[in-house]
């Protein structure tokens, strides 16, 4: 994580305050179905993994968000999560693995403008693509299901939830089937000088193993400009309120660099 911190510090050293426009962009970034291209690089560190709790994992999620206007009333928002994973000793004798994990691809169909209630929403399919380069980095299953996001923005506040469920339908017959629900309630507050403070729970329930994973993230980020490029620099402390038998425990950390490309 020291290298991650150094990278963020180097970006921050060349950054300038983004002003009120930055606050508006920061608030827009809190909306998962905003009509704005964003390219986040999210670095995660977790430890105490495995039955003996001596494993650790560093994971970089490359998460581009690309809106596609369909007509005057509707957008399609593509959200991709491509993980790059470096892990050690996740169970006794597992050794080390480094490579790609499985891609999660979501497509949200969302109204261009909120209704009179101010509710913002998006609905569509989500896909699991077995791109993992190692059997311990992949479910080795193809999966699909529905995904939904609902939120509201009022003043500096953004609150809502993102959810999906994925069932496997093909892949390695010797691997466990996938039936997993993801639920992420979130609340964020953005200040006039483009700071955002938030909390979210990236909960998931494995219906096959009948186990919860509930990491709770306490986040802070700042929207700045580097040259003419808007960039959000952020960090988080994560607490594992619940975890699978072989999952992480205790505390984790996150650092995020997001490049924004507003219209």
C-alpha atoms as a PDB file:
ATOM      1  CA  UNK A   1       0.000   0.000   0.000  1.00  0.00           C
ATOM      2  CA  UNK A   2       2.979   2.321   0.348  1.00  0.00           C
ATOM      3  CA  UNK A   3       3.306   2.485  -3.431  1.00  0.00           C
ATOM      4  CA  UNK A   4      -0.376   3.353  -3.747  1.00  0.00           C
ATOM      5  CA  UNK A   5      -0.028   6.138  -1.204  1.00  0.00           C
ATOM      6  CA  UNK A   6       3.009   7.502  -3.071  1.00  0.00           C
ATOM      7  CA  UNK A   7       1.065   7.547  -6.360  1.00  0.00           C
ATOM      8  CA  UNK A   8      -1.850   9.426  -4.829  1.00  0.00           C
ATOM      9  CA  UNK A   9       0.529  11.858  -3.117  1.00  0.00           C
ATOM     10  CA  UNK A  10       2.240  12.548  -6.457  1.00  0.00           C
ATOM     11  CA  UNK A  11      -1.134  13.281  -8.076  1.00  0.00           C
ATOM     12  CA  UNK A  12      -2.196  15.478  -5.160  1.00  0.00           C
ATOM     13  CA  UNK A  13       1.062  17.454  -5.357  1.00  0.00           C
ATOM     14  CA  UNK A  14       0.160  18.621  -8.860  1.00  0.00           C
ATOM     15  CA  UNK A  15      -3.512  19.193  -8.115  1.00  0.00           C
ATOM     16  CA  UNK A  16      -5.488  22.410  -7.787  1.00  0.00           C
ATOM     17  CA  UNK A  17      -8.773  23.142  -6.063  1.00  0.00           C
ATOM     18  CA  UNK A  18     -11.706  22.451  -8.370  1.00  0.00           C
ATOM     19  CA  UNK A  19     -14.109  25.042  -6.919  1.00  0.00           C
ATOM     20  CA  UNK A  20     -17.889  24.865  -7.180  1.00  0.00           C
ATOM     21  CA  UNK A  21     -17.714  23.092 -10.543  1.00  0.00           C
ATOM     22  CA  UNK A  22     -15.676  20.428  -8.776  1.00  0.00           C
ATOM     23  CA  UNK A  23     -18.321  20.085  -6.071  1.00  0.00           C
ATOM     24  CA  UNK A  24     -20.957  19.544  -8.763  1.00  0.00           C
ATOM     25  CA  UNK A  25     -18.776  16.904 -10.430  1.00  0.00           C
ATOM     26  CA  UNK A  26     -18.065  15.223  -7.097  1.00  0.00           C
ATOM     27  CA  UNK A  27     -21.779  14.994  -6.427  1.00  0.00           C
ATOM     28  CA  UNK A  28     -22.354  13.631  -9.938  1.00  0.00           C
ATOM     29  CA  UNK A  29     -19.686  11.007  -9.298  1.00  0.00           C
ATOM     30  CA  UNK A  30     -21.761   9.732  -6.355  1.00  0.00           C
ATOM     31  CA  UNK A  31     -24.476   8.753  -8.838  1.00  0.00           C
ATOM     32  CA  UNK A  32     -23.693   5.295 -10.334  1.00  0.00           C
ATOM     33  CA  UNK A  33     -25.863   6.022 -13.400  1.00  0.00           C
ATOM     34  CA  UNK A  34     -24.740   9.601 -14.072  1.00  0.00           C
ATOM     35  CA  UNK A  35     -24.315  10.485 -17.747  1.00  0.00           C
ATOM     36  CA  UNK A  36     -20.579  11.035 -17.366  1.00  0.00           C
ATOM     37  CA  UNK A  37     -17.572   8.956 -18.348  1.00  0.00           C
ATOM     38  CA  UNK A  38     -15.424   8.064 -15.336  1.00  0.00           C
ATOM     39  CA  UNK A  39     -12.421   5.769 -15.065  1.00  0.00           C
ATOM     40  CA  UNK A  40     -11.728   4.650 -11.485  1.00  0.00           C
ATOM     41  CA  UNK A  41      -8.684   2.676 -10.365  1.00  0.00           C
ATOM     42  CA  UNK A  42      -9.565   1.195  -6.976  1.00  0.00           C
ATOM     43  CA  UNK A  43      -6.796  -0.385  -4.853  1.00  0.00           C
ATOM     44  CA  UNK A  44      -7.885  -2.716  -2.027  1.00  0.00           C
ATOM     45  CA  UNK A  45      -5.929  -4.440   0.706  1.00  0.00           C
ATOM     46  CA  UNK A  46      -7.333  -7.176   2.977  1.00  0.00           C
ATOM     47  CA  UNK A  47      -5.719  -9.576   5.415  1.00  0.00           C
ATOM     48  CA  UNK A  48      -6.534 -12.325   7.924  1.00  0.00           C
ATOM     49  CA  UNK A  49      -7.779 -14.490   5.042  1.00  0.00           C
ATOM     50  CA  UNK A  50      -8.324 -18.236   5.319  1.00  0.00           C
ATOM     51  CA  UNK A  51      -9.034 -20.662   8.152  1.00  0.00           C
ATOM     52  CA  UNK A  52      -5.733 -19.807   9.828  1.00  0.00           C
ATOM     53  CA  UNK A  53      -6.134 -16.088   8.993  1.00  0.00           C
ATOM     54  CA  UNK A  54      -2.601 -15.725   7.658  1.00  0.00           C
ATOM     55  CA  UNK A  55      -3.489 -14.876   4.044  1.00  0.00           C
ATOM     56  CA  UNK A  56      -3.588 -11.459   2.394  1.00  0.00           C
ATOM     57  CA  UNK A  57      -4.845  -9.987  -0.857  1.00  0.00           C
ATOM     58  CA  UNK A  58      -4.107  -6.843  -2.872  1.00  0.00           C
ATOM     59  CA  UNK A  59      -6.700  -6.159  -5.557  1.00  0.00           C
ATOM     60  CA  UNK A  60      -6.807  -3.429  -8.182  1.00  0.00           C
ATOM     61  CA  UNK A  61     -10.258  -2.940  -9.697  1.00  0.00           C
ATOM     62  CA  UNK A  62     -10.323  -1.185 -13.058  1.00  0.00           C
ATOM     63  CA  UNK A  63     -13.894   0.147 -13.236  1.00  0.00           C
ATOM     64  CA  UNK A  64     -14.728   2.236 -16.326  1.00  0.00           C
ATOM     65  CA  UNK A  65     -18.217   3.755 -16.482  1.00  0.00           C
ATOM     66  CA  UNK A  66     -19.456   4.697 -19.962  1.00  0.00           C
ATOM     67  CA  UNK A  67     -22.881   6.236 -20.665  1.00  0.00           C
ATOM     68  CA  UNK A  68     -24.502   5.620 -24.046  1.00  0.00           C
ATOM     69  CA  UNK A  69     -27.416   7.940 -24.961  1.00  0.00           C
ATOM     70  CA  UNK A  70     -30.243   5.907 -26.493  1.00  0.00           C
ATOM     71  CA  UNK A  71     -32.641   8.802 -27.140  1.00  0.00           C
ATOM     72  CA  UNK A  72     -33.773  12.011 -25.457  1.00  0.00           C
ATOM     73  CA  UNK A  73     -35.340  10.077 -22.584  1.00  0.00           C
ATOM     74  CA  UNK A  74     -33.041   7.123 -21.886  1.00  0.00           C
ATOM     75  CA  UNK A  75     -29.375   6.312 -21.321  1.00  0.00           C
ATOM     76  CA  UNK A  76     -27.607   2.987 -21.095  1.00  0.00           C
ATOM     77  CA  UNK A  77     -24.804   3.024 -18.521  1.00  0.00           C
ATOM     78  CA  UNK A  78     -22.051   0.426 -18.874  1.00  0.00           C
ATOM     79  CA  UNK A  79     -20.217  -0.351 -15.611  1.00  0.00           C
ATOM     80  CA  UNK A  80     -17.329  -2.833 -15.791  1.00  0.00           C
ATOM     81  CA  UNK A  81     -15.281  -4.264 -12.940  1.00  0.00           C
ATOM     82  CA  UNK A  82     -12.016  -5.926 -14.003  1.00  0.00           C
ATOM     83  CA  UNK A  83      -9.988  -7.115 -10.981  1.00  0.00           C
ATOM     84  CA  UNK A  84      -6.225  -7.647 -10.968  1.00  0.00           C
ATOM     85  CA  UNK A  85      -5.335  -9.723  -7.917  1.00  0.00           C
ATOM     86  CA  UNK A  86      -2.174 -10.538  -5.972  1.00  0.00           C
ATOM     87  CA  UNK A  87      -2.828 -12.935  -3.088  1.00  0.00           C
ATOM     88  CA  UNK A  88      -0.885 -15.189  -0.731  1.00  0.00           C
ATOM     89  CA  UNK A  89      -1.788 -18.111   1.538  1.00  0.00           C
ATOM     90  CA  UNK A  90      -5.563 -17.777   1.258  1.00  0.00           C
ATOM     91  CA  UNK A  91      -5.707 -21.322   2.631  1.00  0.00           C
ATOM     92  CA  UNK A  92      -2.952 -23.673   3.855  1.00  0.00           C
ATOM     93  CA  UNK A  93      -0.746 -24.740   0.949  1.00  0.00           C
ATOM     94  CA  UNK A  94      -2.339 -22.336  -1.536  1.00  0.00           C
ATOM     95  CA  UNK A  95       0.872 -20.410  -2.205  1.00  0.00           C
ATOM     96  CA  UNK A  96       0.721 -17.196  -4.223  1.00  0.00           C
ATOM     97  CA  UNK A  97      -1.340 -16.165  -7.228  1.00  0.00           C
ATOM     98  CA  UNK A  98      -1.196 -13.085  -9.424  1.00  0.00           C
ATOM     99  CA  UNK A  99      -3.372 -12.276 -12.408  1.00  0.00           C
ATOM    100  CA  UNK A 100      -6.810 -11.316 -13.652  1.00  0.00           C
ATOM    101  CA  UNK A 101      -9.993 -12.170 -11.791  1.00  0.00           C
ATOM    102  CA  UNK A 102     -13.480 -12.549 -13.277  1.00  0.00           C
ATOM    103  CA  UNK A 103     -15.145  -9.557 -14.949  1.00  0.00           C
ATOM    104  CA  UNK A 104     -18.494  -8.276 -13.679  1.00  0.00           C
ATOM    105  CA  UNK A 105     -20.304  -6.348 -16.411  1.00  0.00           C
ATOM    106  CA  UNK A 106     -23.448  -4.339 -15.640  1.00  0.00           C
ATOM    107  CA  UNK A 107     -25.727  -2.477 -18.055  1.00  0.00           C
ATOM    108  CA  UNK A 108     -28.201  -0.016 -16.532  1.00  0.00           C
ATOM    109  CA  UNK A 109     -31.074   1.485 -18.530  1.00  0.00           C
ATOM    110  CA  UNK A 110     -31.846   4.771 -16.821  1.00  0.00           C
ATOM    111  CA  UNK A 111     -34.142   7.755 -17.524  1.00  0.00           C
ATOM    112  CA  UNK A 112     -32.253  10.841 -18.636  1.00  0.00           C
ATOM    113  CA  UNK A 113     -34.006  13.009 -16.048  1.00  0.00           C
ATOM    114  CA  UNK A 114     -35.321  12.146 -12.563  1.00  0.00           C
ATOM    115  CA  UNK A 115     -39.080  12.179 -12.069  1.00  0.00           C
ATOM    116  CA  UNK A 116     -40.958  14.674  -9.925  1.00  0.00           C
ATOM    117  CA  UNK A 117     -40.012  12.693  -6.824  1.00  0.00           C
ATOM    118  CA  UNK A 118     -36.302  13.213  -7.559  1.00  0.00           C
ATOM    119  CA  UNK A 119     -35.701   9.466  -7.562  1.00  0.00           C
ATOM    120  CA  UNK A 120     -32.864   8.361  -9.870  1.00  0.00           C
ATOM    121  CA  UNK A 121     -32.859   4.739 -10.946  1.00  0.00           C
ATOM    122  CA  UNK A 122     -31.373   2.275 -13.381  1.00  0.00           C
ATOM    123  CA  UNK A 123     -32.295  -1.322 -14.196  1.00  0.00           C
ATOM    124  CA  UNK A 124     -30.703  -3.928 -16.426  1.00  0.00           C
ATOM    125  CA  UNK A 125     -28.657  -7.122 -16.672  1.00  0.00           C
ATOM    126  CA  UNK A 126     -25.404  -8.069 -14.997  1.00  0.00           C
ATOM    127  CA  UNK A 127     -22.982 -10.681 -16.316  1.00  0.00           C
ATOM    128  CA  UNK A 128     -20.174 -12.724 -14.772  1.00  0.00           C
ATOM    129  CA  UNK A 129     -17.408 -13.476 -17.291  1.00  0.00           C
ATOM    130  CA  UNK A 130     -14.777 -16.099 -16.276  1.00  0.00           C
ATOM    131  CA  UNK A 131     -11.651 -14.185 -17.266  1.00  0.00           C
ATOM    132  CA  UNK A 132      -9.612 -15.346 -14.249  1.00  0.00           C
ATOM    133  CA  UNK A 133      -6.097 -16.449 -15.172  1.00  0.00           C
ATOM    134  CA  UNK A 134      -5.789 -18.918 -12.280  1.00  0.00           C
ATOM    135  CA  UNK A 135      -8.286 -21.390 -10.828  1.00  0.00           C
ATOM    136  CA  UNK A 136      -7.936 -19.645  -7.458  1.00  0.00           C
ATOM    137  CA  UNK A 137      -8.739 -16.269  -9.035  1.00  0.00           C
ATOM    138  CA  UNK A 138     -11.883 -17.391 -10.853  1.00  0.00           C
ATOM    139  CA  UNK A 139     -15.234 -19.061 -10.262  1.00  0.00           C
ATOM    140  CA  UNK A 140     -14.743 -20.598 -13.744  1.00  0.00           C
ATOM    141  CA  UNK A 141     -18.450 -20.048 -14.361  1.00  0.00           C
ATOM    142  CA  UNK A 142     -20.506 -17.890 -16.711  1.00  0.00           C
ATOM    143  CA  UNK A 143     -23.271 -16.068 -14.887  1.00  0.00           C
ATOM    144  CA  UNK A 144     -26.067 -13.559 -15.393  1.00  0.00           C
ATOM    145  CA  UNK A 145     -28.916 -11.904 -13.548  1.00  0.00           C
ATOM    146  CA  UNK A 146     -30.667  -8.581 -12.860  1.00  0.00           C
ATOM    147  CA  UNK A 147     -29.161  -5.422 -11.397  1.00  0.00           C
ATOM    148  CA  UNK A 148     -30.854  -2.312  -9.991  1.00  0.00           C
ATOM    149  CA  UNK A 149     -29.746   1.014  -8.539  1.00  0.00           C
ATOM    150  CA  UNK A 150     -32.048   3.501  -6.800  1.00  0.00           C
ATOM    151  CA  UNK A 151     -30.901   6.788  -5.257  1.00  0.00           C
ATOM    152  CA  UNK A 152     -31.841  10.334  -4.424  1.00  0.00           C
ATOM    153  CA  UNK A 153     -29.746  13.496  -4.261  1.00  0.00           C
ATOM    154  CA  UNK A 154     -30.762  16.424  -2.079  1.00  0.00           C
ATOM    155  CA  UNK A 155     -28.464  19.299  -1.218  1.00  0.00           C
ATOM    156  CA  UNK A 156     -25.076  17.762  -0.589  1.00  0.00           C
ATOM    157  CA  UNK A 157     -26.548  14.359   0.254  1.00  0.00           C
ATOM    158  CA  UNK A 158     -26.648  11.259  -1.945  1.00  0.00           C
ATOM    159  CA  UNK A 159     -28.264   8.119  -0.584  1.00  0.00           C
ATOM    160  CA  UNK A 160     -29.537   4.896  -2.079  1.00  0.00           C
ATOM    161  CA  UNK A 161     -28.615   1.315  -2.865  1.00  0.00           C
ATOM    162  CA  UNK A 162     -27.158  -0.785  -5.668  1.00  0.00           C
ATOM    163  CA  UNK A 163     -28.028  -4.465  -5.900  1.00  0.00           C
ATOM    164  CA  UNK A 164     -27.751  -7.472  -8.175  1.00  0.00           C
ATOM    165  CA  UNK A 165     -28.096 -11.238  -8.217  1.00  0.00           C
ATOM    166  CA  UNK A 166     -26.012 -13.573 -10.350  1.00  0.00           C
ATOM    167  CA  UNK A 167     -26.779 -17.204 -11.190  1.00  0.00           C
ATOM    168  CA  UNK A 168     -24.268 -19.359 -13.062  1.00  0.00           C
ATOM    169  CA  UNK A 169     -25.520 -21.038 -16.229  1.00  0.00           C
ATOM    170  CA  UNK A 170     -22.373 -22.552 -17.775  1.00  0.00           C
ATOM    171  CA  UNK A 171     -18.718 -23.242 -17.077  1.00  0.00           C
ATOM    172  CA  UNK A 172     -16.610 -25.892 -15.355  1.00  0.00           C
ATOM    173  CA  UNK A 173     -19.019 -28.586 -14.137  1.00  0.00           C
ATOM    174  CA  UNK A 174     -16.576 -29.531 -11.354  1.00  0.00           C
ATOM    175  CA  UNK A 175     -16.774 -26.059  -9.793  1.00  0.00           C
ATOM    176  CA  UNK A 176     -19.489 -24.924  -7.400  1.00  0.00           C
ATOM    177  CA  UNK A 177     -22.490 -23.194  -8.925  1.00  0.00           C
ATOM    178  CA  UNK A 178     -22.826 -19.451  -8.395  1.00  0.00           C
ATOM    179  CA  UNK A 179     -25.936 -17.999  -6.767  1.00  0.00           C
ATOM    180  CA  UNK A 180     -24.972 -14.727  -5.114  1.00  0.00           C
ATOM    181  CA  UNK A 181     -26.811 -11.567  -4.090  1.00  0.00           C
ATOM    182  CA  UNK A 182     -24.938  -8.261  -3.841  1.00  0.00           C
ATOM    183  CA  UNK A 183     -26.423  -5.351  -1.884  1.00  0.00           C
ATOM    184  CA  UNK A 184     -24.667  -1.995  -1.435  1.00  0.00           C
ATOM    185  CA  UNK A 185     -26.550   0.635   0.558  1.00  0.00           C
ATOM    186  CA  UNK A 186     -24.668   3.950   0.543  1.00  0.00           C
ATOM    187  CA  UNK A 187     -24.856   7.475   1.896  1.00  0.00           C
ATOM    188  CA  UNK A 188     -22.499  10.314   0.945  1.00  0.00           C
ATOM    189  CA  UNK A 189     -22.222  14.008   1.752  1.00  0.00           C
ATOM    190  CA  UNK A 190     -20.398  16.404  -0.584  1.00  0.00           C
ATOM    191  CA  UNK A 191     -19.221  19.803   0.670  1.00  0.00           C
ATOM    192  CA  UNK A 192     -19.048  23.062  -1.298  1.00  0.00           C
ATOM    193  CA  UNK A 193     -15.279  22.629  -1.681  1.00  0.00           C
ATOM    194  CA  UNK A 194     -15.651  19.162  -3.287  1.00  0.00           C
ATOM    195  CA  UNK A 195     -14.881  16.926  -0.316  1.00  0.00           C
ATOM    196  CA  UNK A 196     -17.084  13.816  -0.086  1.00  0.00           C
ATOM    197  CA  UNK A 197     -17.557  11.747   3.072  1.00  0.00           C
ATOM    198  CA  UNK A 198     -19.489   8.512   2.993  1.00  0.00           C
ATOM    199  CA  UNK A 199     -20.216   5.057   4.263  1.00  0.00           C
ATOM    200  CA  UNK A 200     -21.356   1.967   2.375  1.00  0.00           C
ATOM    201  CA  UNK A 201     -21.691  -1.750   2.962  1.00  0.00           C
ATOM    202  CA  UNK A 202     -20.705  -3.969   0.019  1.00  0.00           C
ATOM    203  CA  UNK A 203     -22.701  -6.919   1.316  1.00  0.00           C
ATOM    204  CA  UNK A 204     -22.994 -10.212  -0.525  1.00  0.00           C
ATOM    205  CA  UNK A 205     -24.799 -13.439   0.299  1.00  0.00           C
ATOM    206  CA  UNK A 206     -23.679 -16.778  -1.118  1.00  0.00           C
ATOM    207  CA  UNK A 207     -26.846 -18.874  -1.406  1.00  0.00           C
ATOM    208  CA  UNK A 208     -24.844 -22.036  -2.132  1.00  0.00           C
ATOM    209  CA  UNK A 209     -22.649 -21.756   0.983  1.00  0.00           C
ATOM    210  CA  UNK A 210     -25.329 -19.859   2.971  1.00  0.00           C
ATOM    211  CA  UNK A 211     -22.787 -17.288   4.145  1.00  0.00           C
ATOM    212  CA  UNK A 212     -22.636 -13.484   4.304  1.00  0.00           C
ATOM    213  CA  UNK A 213     -19.744 -11.164   3.515  1.00  0.00           C
ATOM    214  CA  UNK A 214     -20.287  -7.648   4.883  1.00  0.00           C
ATOM    215  CA  UNK A 215     -17.391  -5.199   4.502  1.00  0.00           C
ATOM    216  CA  UNK A 216     -18.334  -1.707   5.711  1.00  0.00           C
ATOM    217  CA  UNK A 217     -16.340   1.106   4.080  1.00  0.00           C
ATOM    218  CA  UNK A 218     -15.828   4.546   5.625  1.00  0.00           C
ATOM    219  CA  UNK A 219     -14.752   6.763   2.722  1.00  0.00           C
ATOM    220  CA  UNK A 220     -13.359  10.224   2.043  1.00  0.00           C
ATOM    221  CA  UNK A 221     -12.469  11.770  -1.316  1.00  0.00           C
ATOM    222  CA  UNK A 222     -11.538  15.125  -2.843  1.00  0.00           C
ATOM    223  CA  UNK A 223     -12.254  16.355  -6.360  1.00  0.00           C
ATOM    224  CA  UNK A 224      -9.289  18.305  -7.755  1.00  0.00           C
ATOM    225  CA  UNK A 225      -7.960  19.297 -11.166  1.00  0.00           C
ATOM    226  CA  UNK A 226      -4.562  18.257 -12.477  1.00  0.00           C
ATOM    227  CA  UNK A 227      -3.885  20.586 -15.372  1.00  0.00           C
ATOM    228  CA  UNK A 228      -7.339  20.629 -16.952  1.00  0.00           C
ATOM    229  CA  UNK A 229      -8.199  17.065 -15.904  1.00  0.00           C
ATOM    230  CA  UNK A 230     -10.764  16.554 -13.095  1.00  0.00           C
ATOM    231  CA  UNK A 231      -9.585  13.791 -10.761  1.00  0.00           C
ATOM    232  CA  UNK A 232     -11.097  12.377  -7.587  1.00  0.00           C
ATOM    233  CA  UNK A 233      -8.567  11.160  -4.990  1.00  0.00           C
ATOM    234  CA  UNK A 234      -9.971   9.006  -2.225  1.00  0.00           C
ATOM    235  CA  UNK A 235      -9.299   6.569   0.549  1.00  0.00           C
ATOM    236  CA  UNK A 236     -11.248   4.317   2.891  1.00  0.00           C
ATOM    237  CA  UNK A 237     -10.972   2.169   5.965  1.00  0.00           C
ATOM    238  CA  UNK A 238     -12.889  -1.081   5.751  1.00  0.00           C
ATOM    239  CA  UNK A 239     -14.248  -3.154   8.635  1.00  0.00           C
ATOM    240  CA  UNK A 240     -15.382  -6.728   7.979  1.00  0.00           C
ATOM    241  CA  UNK A 241     -18.580  -6.947  10.027  1.00  0.00           C
ATOM    242  CA  UNK A 242     -19.104 -10.489   8.736  1.00  0.00           C
ATOM    243  CA  UNK A 243     -17.187 -12.782   6.414  1.00  0.00           C
ATOM    244  CA  UNK A 244     -17.163 -16.288   5.000  1.00  0.00           C
ATOM    245  CA  UNK A 245     -15.039 -18.909   6.757  1.00  0.00           C
ATOM    246  CA  UNK A 246     -12.218 -18.391   4.269  1.00  0.00           C
ATOM    247  CA  UNK A 247     -12.743 -14.664   3.694  1.00  0.00           C
ATOM    248  CA  UNK A 248     -10.981 -11.589   5.105  1.00  0.00           C
ATOM    249  CA  UNK A 249     -11.426 -10.450   8.695  1.00  0.00           C
ATOM    250  CA  UNK A 250     -10.597  -7.375  10.737  1.00  0.00           C
ATOM    251  CA  UNK A 251      -9.658  -4.163   8.943  1.00  0.00           C
ATOM    252  CA  UNK A 252      -8.856  -3.442   5.307  1.00  0.00           C
ATOM    253  CA  UNK A 253      -7.897  -0.367   3.300  1.00  0.00           C
ATOM    254  CA  UNK A 254      -8.811   1.244  -0.010  1.00  0.00           C
ATOM    255  CA  UNK A 255      -7.316   3.976  -2.172  1.00  0.00           C
ATOM    256  CA  UNK A 256      -9.012   5.285  -5.305  1.00  0.00           C
ATOM    257  CA  UNK A 257      -7.995   7.467  -8.246  1.00  0.00           C
ATOM    258  CA  UNK A 258     -10.864   8.371 -10.580  1.00  0.00           C
ATOM    259  CA  UNK A 259     -10.445  10.306 -13.833  1.00  0.00           C
ATOM    260  CA  UNK A 260     -13.587  12.172 -14.897  1.00  0.00           C
ATOM    261  CA  UNK A 261     -14.552  13.122 -18.445  1.00  0.00           C
ATOM    262  CA  UNK A 262     -17.649  15.362 -18.190  1.00  0.00           C
ATOM    263  CA  UNK A 263     -19.458  16.437 -21.317  1.00  0.00           C
END
